[in-house]
Amino acid sequence: MADAKVIPFDDDRSRARRRPGRPEEPSGPEKGPAAVRALPGAREVPAAPDPEPVAEPVPEAERAPEGAGAGRTDWERRLAGGLAFLRRRVTGEYEVDEFGYDAELTDQVLMSLLRPLYEKYFRVEVKGVENIPEKGGALIVANHSGTLPLDGLMMQVAVHDHHPAGRHLRLLAADLVFVLPVVNELARKAGHTLACAEDAERLLRAGEVVGVMPEGFKGIGKPFSERYKLQRFGRGGFVSTALRAGVPIVPCSIVGAEEIYPMIGNAKTLARLLGLPYVPVTPTFPWLGPLGMLPLPTKWTIQFGEPIPTDSYPPEAAEDPMLMFNLTDQVREQIQHTLYKLLVQRRSVFF
């Protein structure tokens, strides 16, 4: 086609073929019915409509079943994500931080295992989660109860699922957690670390949300007759840590955990033999054997209170025992007051 010659529509030869005295044919926009009307005595002929495009038939093998397109796509996406997750687990192509926290495993596996317990069994209601800062470090201080530390795990799910910024809660746990087989590895993977001032301060300075329950074993193992009565908050070490890091303290009150294992006794002799802080005796354990370890399906409420700022204090404030005592008492009183308020508002233990 390199030798082809392009001849314009309106060249000199086309003009030469026109007869003298005959009207010239319109060009460009005057073609069609308008051009016919321009000729004397011409009869208007309507233009034929454009033929409708005919769709090519789709082979039967490529047709998707009716109503199954969206579901099939979602299923394929989930399968692909699961296979990719397993591949990274097998090949070791995943990251953990210096404390052993595995964000991917926590999000995709551990939270998925805890979520049915959180949503369906305890039916947790969360209030005030917006009081946790959207960025930067924060120290959440909560009451502790329930014989087994399920309250800390439910608080972790609450922050993970309901905070607007989707933040992760890093819990400070007792030494016992990190000497138990399997539990030790799972705790590290979930972001928990030893309850010591050094680790807590490093996490807070790195901009993490850290959770602590100062009552410790005194709170989680207290008898049912003392439910919702806060025990001592230690020596105020958590306040000193928050002051050094300059992060706010967020009080947190948890209602519902006290009744999951009503502790009516403590087998102290057996506890000393096993090296445990206590061996609980409840209305169902040990009388019903393993079935007695099933928690009661109580209705929970977790409320995060107004944050208490600490960034206005000077650096040496962390060494002031009177200031630490006052702030510790302020946090404790705020948690206790909220507990009483939530208990008054509660209709029933189970509803």
Protein backbone atom coordinates (compact mmCIF):
# COMPACT_ATOMS: atom_id res chain seq x y z
CA MET A 1 0.00 0.00 0.00
CA ALA A 2 3.06 2.28 -0.06
CA ASP A 3 2.36 3.14 -3.77
CA ALA A 4 -1.32 3.91 -3.17
CA LYS A 5 -2.39 7.42 -4.12
CA VAL A 6 -4.96 9.24 -2.03
CA ILE A 7 -7.39 11.24 -4.19
CA PRO A 8 -9.46 13.93 -2.42
CA PHE A 9 -13.23 13.79 -2.79
CA ASP A 10 -13.39 17.31 -4.15
CA ASP A 11 -10.54 17.23 -6.69
CA ASP A 12 -10.52 18.94 -10.13
CA ARG A 13 -11.44 15.81 -12.11
CA SER A 14 -14.68 15.36 -10.19
CA ARG A 15 -15.62 18.98 -10.97
CA ALA A 16 -14.87 18.46 -14.66
CA ARG A 17 -17.42 15.62 -14.94
CA ARG A 18 -20.28 17.84 -13.74
CA ARG A 19 -22.62 19.00 -16.55
CA PRO A 20 -23.21 22.70 -17.09
CA GLY A 21 -26.54 23.92 -15.71
CA ARG A 22 -27.05 20.96 -13.33
CA PRO A 23 -27.06 21.79 -9.58
CA GLU A 24 -24.01 20.62 -7.79
CA GLU A 25 -24.39 17.74 -5.34
CA PRO A 26 -23.95 18.83 -1.81
CA SER A 27 -21.03 17.45 0.11
CA GLY A 28 -20.30 16.90 3.77
CA PRO A 29 -23.29 17.54 6.01
CA GLU A 30 -25.70 18.09 3.05
CA LYS A 31 -25.72 14.42 2.04
CA GLY A 32 -28.64 12.13 2.87
CA PRO A 33 -32.31 13.24 2.94
CA ALA A 34 -31.36 16.92 3.09
CA ALA A 35 -29.43 16.52 -0.14
CA VAL A 36 -32.43 14.92 -1.83
CA ARG A 37 -34.70 17.78 -0.81
CA ALA A 38 -32.20 20.22 -2.32
CA LEU A 39 -32.87 18.80 -5.83
CA PRO A 40 -35.90 20.22 -7.69
CA GLY A 41 -38.81 17.79 -7.91
CA ALA A 42 -37.06 15.19 -5.79
CA ARG A 43 -39.11 12.89 -3.53
CA GLU A 44 -37.90 12.38 0.03
CA VAL A 45 -36.96 8.82 0.84
CA PRO A 46 -36.50 8.00 4.54
CA ALA A 47 -33.12 6.60 5.50
CA ALA A 48 -32.96 2.96 6.43
CA PRO A 49 -32.32 2.38 10.18
CA ASP A 50 -28.96 1.01 11.25
CA PRO A 51 -29.02 -2.73 11.80
CA GLU A 52 -28.94 -3.80 15.46
CA PRO A 53 -25.72 -5.56 16.53
CA VAL A 54 -26.14 -9.27 17.03
CA ALA A 55 -24.46 -10.62 20.18
CA GLU A 56 -22.24 -13.60 19.66
CA PRO A 57 -23.42 -16.67 21.58
CA VAL A 58 -21.43 -17.53 24.73
CA PRO A 59 -20.22 -21.13 24.86
CA GLU A 60 -22.14 -23.15 27.40
CA ALA A 61 -18.93 -24.15 29.19
CA GLU A 62 -18.16 -20.48 29.97
CA ARG A 63 -21.61 -19.62 31.32
CA ALA A 64 -21.82 -18.99 35.10
CA PRO A 65 -24.81 -20.40 36.99
CA GLU A 66 -27.52 -17.87 37.77
CA GLY A 67 -27.03 -16.07 41.11
CA ALA A 68 -23.66 -17.72 41.73
CA GLY A 69 -21.34 -15.14 40.17
CA ALA A 70 -20.70 -12.97 43.26
CA GLY A 71 -20.48 -15.94 45.63
CA ARG A 72 -18.10 -17.77 43.39
CA THR A 73 -15.82 -14.73 43.13
CA ASP A 74 -15.81 -14.28 46.91
CA TRP A 75 -15.07 -17.96 47.43
CA GLU A 76 -12.19 -17.86 44.96
CA ARG A 77 -10.78 -14.74 46.64
CA ARG A 78 -10.92 -16.38 50.07
CA LEU A 79 -9.30 -19.54 48.74
CA ALA A 80 -6.51 -17.57 47.07
CA GLY A 81 -5.90 -15.57 50.26
CA GLY A 82 -5.81 -18.73 52.37
CA LEU A 83 -3.38 -20.45 50.03
CA ALA A 84 -1.13 -17.38 49.97
CA PHE A 85 -1.20 -17.28 53.78
CA LEU A 86 -0.22 -20.96 54.01
CA ARG A 87 2.57 -20.45 51.50
CA ARG A 88 4.05 -17.61 53.56
CA ARG A 89 3.80 -19.74 56.70
CA VAL A 90 5.62 -22.66 55.07
CA THR A 91 8.32 -20.57 53.41
CA GLY A 92 8.83 -18.26 56.38
CA GLU A 93 7.99 -15.12 54.38
CA TYR A 94 6.32 -13.29 57.24
CA GLU A 95 7.48 -10.72 59.76
CA VAL A 96 7.51 -10.54 63.55
CA ASP A 97 8.70 -7.65 65.66
CA GLU A 98 11.33 -7.76 68.38
CA PHE A 99 8.75 -9.01 70.90
CA GLY A 100 7.59 -11.85 68.65
CA TYR A 101 4.34 -10.19 67.56
CA ASP A 102 2.98 -11.70 64.34
CA ALA A 103 0.41 -9.22 62.98
CA GLU A 104 -0.71 -11.40 60.07
CA LEU A 105 -1.28 -14.49 62.22
CA THR A 106 -3.12 -12.41 64.81
CA ASP A 107 -5.44 -10.75 62.28
CA GLN A 108 -6.25 -13.79 60.17
CA VAL A 109 -6.21 -16.64 62.70
CA LEU A 110 -6.20 -15.67 66.36
CA MET A 111 -8.80 -12.90 66.07
CA SER A 112 -10.97 -15.20 63.93
CA LEU A 113 -10.88 -17.83 66.69
CA LEU A 114 -11.74 -15.35 69.44
CA ARG A 115 -14.42 -13.44 67.52
CA PRO A 116 -17.24 -16.06 67.88
CA LEU A 117 -16.65 -16.12 71.64
CA TYR A 118 -16.71 -12.32 71.67
CA GLU A 119 -19.75 -11.79 69.42
CA LYS A 120 -21.95 -14.85 69.97
CA TYR A 121 -21.10 -16.24 73.40
CA PHE A 122 -20.40 -13.19 75.58
CA ARG A 123 -22.16 -10.73 73.22
CA VAL A 124 -19.76 -7.97 74.21
CA GLU A 125 -20.99 -4.38 74.05
CA VAL A 126 -18.25 -1.76 73.62
CA LYS A 127 -18.51 1.85 74.70
CA GLY A 128 -16.10 4.77 74.43
CA VAL A 129 -13.58 3.07 72.16
CA GLU A 130 -13.06 6.45 70.48
CA ASN A 131 -11.30 7.59 73.67
CA ILE A 132 -8.28 5.57 72.56
CA PRO A 133 -6.07 7.87 70.45
CA GLU A 134 -6.01 7.19 66.71
CA LYS A 135 -2.22 7.30 66.65
CA GLY A 136 0.63 7.37 69.11
CA GLY A 137 1.12 5.47 72.34
CA ALA A 138 -1.57 4.99 74.98
CA LEU A 139 -1.80 2.93 78.17
CA ILE A 140 -5.15 1.19 78.82
CA VAL A 141 -5.67 0.28 82.49
CA ALA A 142 -8.49 -2.17 83.24
CA ASN A 143 -9.97 -4.21 86.08
CA HIS A 144 -9.17 -7.93 86.10
CA SER A 145 -11.49 -10.82 86.98
CA GLY A 146 -12.94 -14.15 85.89
CA THR A 147 -10.56 -16.86 87.22
CA LEU A 148 -9.11 -17.25 83.68
CA PRO A 149 -7.80 -14.15 81.84
CA LEU A 150 -10.49 -14.08 79.16
CA ASP A 151 -11.21 -10.41 79.91
CA GLY A 152 -7.85 -9.38 78.49
CA LEU A 153 -8.49 -11.30 75.27
CA MET A 154 -11.97 -9.83 74.87
CA MET A 155 -10.55 -6.36 75.40
CA GLN A 156 -8.01 -7.07 72.66
CA VAL A 157 -10.78 -8.04 70.22
CA ALA A 158 -12.77 -4.94 71.18
CA VAL A 159 -9.91 -2.60 70.30
CA HIS A 160 -9.01 -4.53 67.14
CA ASP A 161 -12.55 -4.71 65.72
CA HIS A 162 -14.16 -1.47 66.91
CA HIS A 163 -11.50 1.24 67.01
CA PRO A 164 -11.90 3.61 64.01
CA ALA A 165 -8.20 3.30 63.19
CA GLY A 166 -8.16 -0.49 63.67
CA ARG A 167 -5.47 -0.36 66.35
CA HIS A 168 -3.87 -3.38 68.00
CA LEU A 169 -3.71 -3.86 71.77
CA ARG A 170 -0.46 -5.18 73.23
CA LEU A 171 -1.19 -6.73 76.63
CA LEU A 172 1.27 -6.97 79.51
CA ALA A 173 1.02 -10.47 80.99
CA ALA A 174 2.31 -12.19 84.13
CA ASP A 175 5.37 -14.46 84.24
CA LEU A 176 3.16 -17.55 84.44
CA VAL A 177 1.87 -16.97 80.90
CA PHE A 178 5.40 -17.23 79.45
CA VAL A 179 6.37 -20.45 81.19
CA LEU A 180 3.39 -22.49 80.02
CA PRO A 181 3.99 -24.50 76.84
CA VAL A 182 1.93 -23.52 73.78
CA VAL A 183 0.41 -20.60 75.72
CA ASN A 184 3.82 -18.93 75.69
CA GLU A 185 4.11 -19.08 71.89
CA LEU A 186 0.54 -17.98 71.28
CA ALA A 187 0.90 -15.05 73.69
CA ARG A 188 4.03 -13.83 71.91
CA LYS A 189 2.43 -14.20 68.48
CA ALA A 190 -0.63 -12.23 69.67
CA GLY A 191 1.55 -9.32 70.78
CA HIS A 192 1.61 -9.91 74.53
CA THR A 193 4.79 -9.31 76.47
CA LEU A 194 6.11 -9.54 80.00
CA ALA A 195 4.61 -7.09 82.47
CA CYS A 196 7.76 -5.12 83.19
CA ALA A 197 8.40 -1.39 82.99
CA GLU A 198 11.16 -1.70 80.37
CA ASP A 199 9.09 -3.59 77.81
CA ALA A 200 6.02 -1.43 78.42
CA GLU A 201 7.98 1.80 77.96
CA ARG A 202 9.59 0.57 74.73
CA LEU A 203 6.19 -0.30 73.30
CA LEU A 204 4.65 3.01 74.33
CA ARG A 205 7.53 5.04 72.87
CA ALA A 206 7.09 3.08 69.63
CA GLY A 207 3.50 4.37 69.43
CA GLU A 208 1.71 1.17 70.48
CA VAL A 209 -1.49 0.80 72.52
CA VAL A 210 -0.56 -1.15 75.65
CA GLY A 211 -2.98 -2.81 78.06
CA VAL A 212 -2.32 -3.54 81.72
CA MET A 213 -4.43 -4.97 84.54
CA PRO A 214 -2.73 -3.85 87.76
CA GLU A 215 -4.80 -6.11 90.06
CA GLY A 216 -2.95 -9.15 88.68
CA PHE A 217 -3.72 -12.49 90.32
CA LYS A 218 -5.38 -10.71 93.26
CA GLY A 219 -8.11 -9.54 90.91
CA ILE A 220 -8.52 -12.54 88.67
CA GLY A 221 -8.54 -15.00 91.56
CA LYS A 222 -10.68 -13.13 94.08
CA PRO A 223 -13.76 -14.93 95.49
CA PHE A 224 -17.19 -14.37 94.01
CA SER A 225 -18.32 -12.59 97.18
CA GLU A 226 -15.89 -9.74 96.34
CA ARG A 227 -16.91 -9.36 92.71
CA TYR A 228 -16.52 -5.91 91.17
CA LYS A 229 -14.55 -4.65 94.16
CA LEU A 230 -11.18 -3.52 92.89
CA GLN A 231 -8.07 -4.83 94.63
CA ARG A 232 -4.88 -2.82 95.13
CA PHE A 233 -3.29 -1.43 91.98
CA GLY A 234 0.21 -2.30 93.10
CA ARG A 235 2.75 0.48 93.61
CA GLY A 236 1.69 2.59 90.66
CA GLY A 237 4.35 1.33 88.29
CA PHE A 238 2.05 1.75 85.30
CA VAL A 239 1.66 5.46 86.09
CA SER A 240 5.43 5.90 86.22
CA THR A 241 5.75 4.17 82.83
CA ALA A 242 3.09 6.41 81.28
CA LEU A 243 4.77 9.52 82.69
CA ARG A 244 8.15 8.53 81.25
CA ALA A 245 6.67 7.84 77.83
CA GLY A 246 4.40 10.90 77.94
CA VAL A 247 1.30 8.95 76.84
CA PRO A 248 -2.31 9.21 78.06
CA ILE A 249 -3.83 6.71 80.48
CA VAL A 250 -7.21 5.32 79.37
CA PRO A 251 -9.25 3.72 82.20
CA CYS A 252 -11.28 0.67 81.15
CA SER A 253 -14.13 -1.02 83.03
CA ILE A 254 -15.24 -4.58 82.21
CA VAL A 255 -18.58 -5.96 83.44
CA GLY A 256 -19.58 -9.58 82.90
CA ALA A 257 -16.29 -11.40 83.43
CA GLU A 258 -16.80 -11.83 87.18
CA GLU A 259 -19.63 -14.32 86.64
CA ILE A 260 -18.14 -16.66 84.02
CA TYR A 261 -16.47 -18.81 86.73
CA PRO A 262 -18.03 -17.95 90.11
CA MET A 263 -15.14 -18.79 92.46
CA ILE A 264 -16.57 -20.08 95.72
CA GLY A 265 -13.39 -21.73 97.03
CA ASN A 266 -9.65 -22.12 96.56
CA ALA A 267 -7.73 -25.39 96.85
CA LYS A 268 -4.61 -23.74 98.30
CA THR A 269 -2.72 -26.97 99.06
CA LEU A 270 -3.11 -28.23 95.52
CA ALA A 271 -2.18 -24.80 94.22
CA ARG A 272 1.13 -24.88 96.14
CA LEU A 273 1.92 -28.35 94.81
CA LEU A 274 1.28 -27.26 91.24
CA GLY A 275 3.05 -23.93 91.62
CA LEU A 276 -0.09 -21.98 90.75
CA PRO A 277 -1.44 -18.85 92.45
CA TYR A 278 -4.76 -20.61 93.09
CA VAL A 279 -6.86 -23.60 92.05
CA PRO A 280 -10.46 -22.40 91.77
CA VAL A 281 -13.51 -24.23 93.05
CA THR A 282 -16.69 -23.19 91.28
CA PRO A 283 -20.29 -24.52 91.22
CA THR A 284 -19.32 -26.63 88.18
CA PHE A 285 -15.58 -27.32 88.65
CA PRO A 286 -14.21 -29.84 89.54
CA TRP A 287 -17.57 -31.54 90.07
CA LEU A 288 -18.41 -31.80 86.35
CA GLY A 289 -14.88 -32.58 85.24
CA PRO A 290 -13.78 -30.96 81.95
CA LEU A 291 -17.34 -29.80 81.33
CA GLY A 292 -17.02 -27.64 84.44
CA MET A 293 -14.35 -25.56 82.68
CA LEU A 294 -16.92 -24.18 80.24
CA PRO A 295 -17.53 -20.50 81.13
CA LEU A 296 -21.05 -19.29 81.76
CA PRO A 297 -22.47 -17.25 78.83
CA THR A 298 -22.74 -13.91 80.61
CA LYS A 299 -23.43 -10.60 78.86
CA TRP A 300 -20.37 -8.33 78.81
CA THR A 301 -19.87 -4.58 78.62
CA ILE A 302 -16.47 -2.98 78.05
CA GLN A 303 -16.29 0.78 78.50
CA PHE A 304 -13.22 2.91 77.80
CA GLY A 305 -13.21 6.12 79.83
CA GLU A 306 -11.88 9.59 79.21
CA PRO A 307 -8.09 9.58 78.80
CA ILE A 308 -5.93 11.12 81.51
CA PRO A 309 -3.09 13.08 79.83
CA THR A 310 0.46 12.88 81.19
CA ASP A 311 2.45 14.84 78.60
CA SER A 312 2.12 18.08 80.57
CA TYR A 313 4.22 16.76 83.47
CA PRO A 314 7.99 17.32 83.55
CA PRO A 315 10.35 14.33 83.07
CA GLU A 316 11.21 14.18 86.78
CA ALA A 317 7.53 13.69 87.65
CA ALA A 318 7.96 9.93 87.19
CA GLU A 319 10.06 9.91 90.36
CA ASP A 320 7.50 11.78 92.48
CA PRO A 321 5.80 9.18 94.72
CA MET A 322 2.98 11.53 95.74
CA LEU A 323 2.08 12.28 92.12
CA MET A 324 2.12 8.57 91.25
CA PHE A 325 -0.12 7.81 94.21
CA ASN A 326 -2.61 10.53 93.23
CA LEU A 327 -2.77 9.45 89.57
CA THR A 328 -3.07 5.79 90.53
CA ASP A 329 -5.93 6.59 92.88
CA GLN A 330 -7.60 8.73 90.20
CA VAL A 331 -7.49 5.89 87.67
CA ARG A 332 -8.71 3.33 90.19
CA GLU A 333 -11.61 5.51 91.33
CA GLN A 334 -12.68 6.20 87.78
CA ILE A 335 -12.73 2.48 86.93
CA GLN A 336 -14.62 1.62 90.15
CA HIS A 337 -17.20 4.36 89.61
CA THR A 338 -17.83 3.20 86.04
CA LEU A 339 -18.22 -0.41 87.21
CA TYR A 340 -20.94 0.59 89.66
CA LYS A 341 -22.69 2.65 87.00
CA LEU A 342 -22.65 -0.22 84.49
CA LEU A 343 -23.93 -2.65 87.10
CA VAL A 344 -26.90 -0.39 87.85
CA GLN A 345 -27.69 -0.15 84.14
CA ARG A 346 -27.43 -3.91 83.59
CA ARG A 347 -30.76 -5.69 83.34
CA SER A 348 -29.45 -9.20 83.98
CA VAL A 349 -26.23 -11.17 84.22
CA PHE A 350 -27.07 -13.05 81.04
CA PHE A 351 -29.05 -10.46 79.03
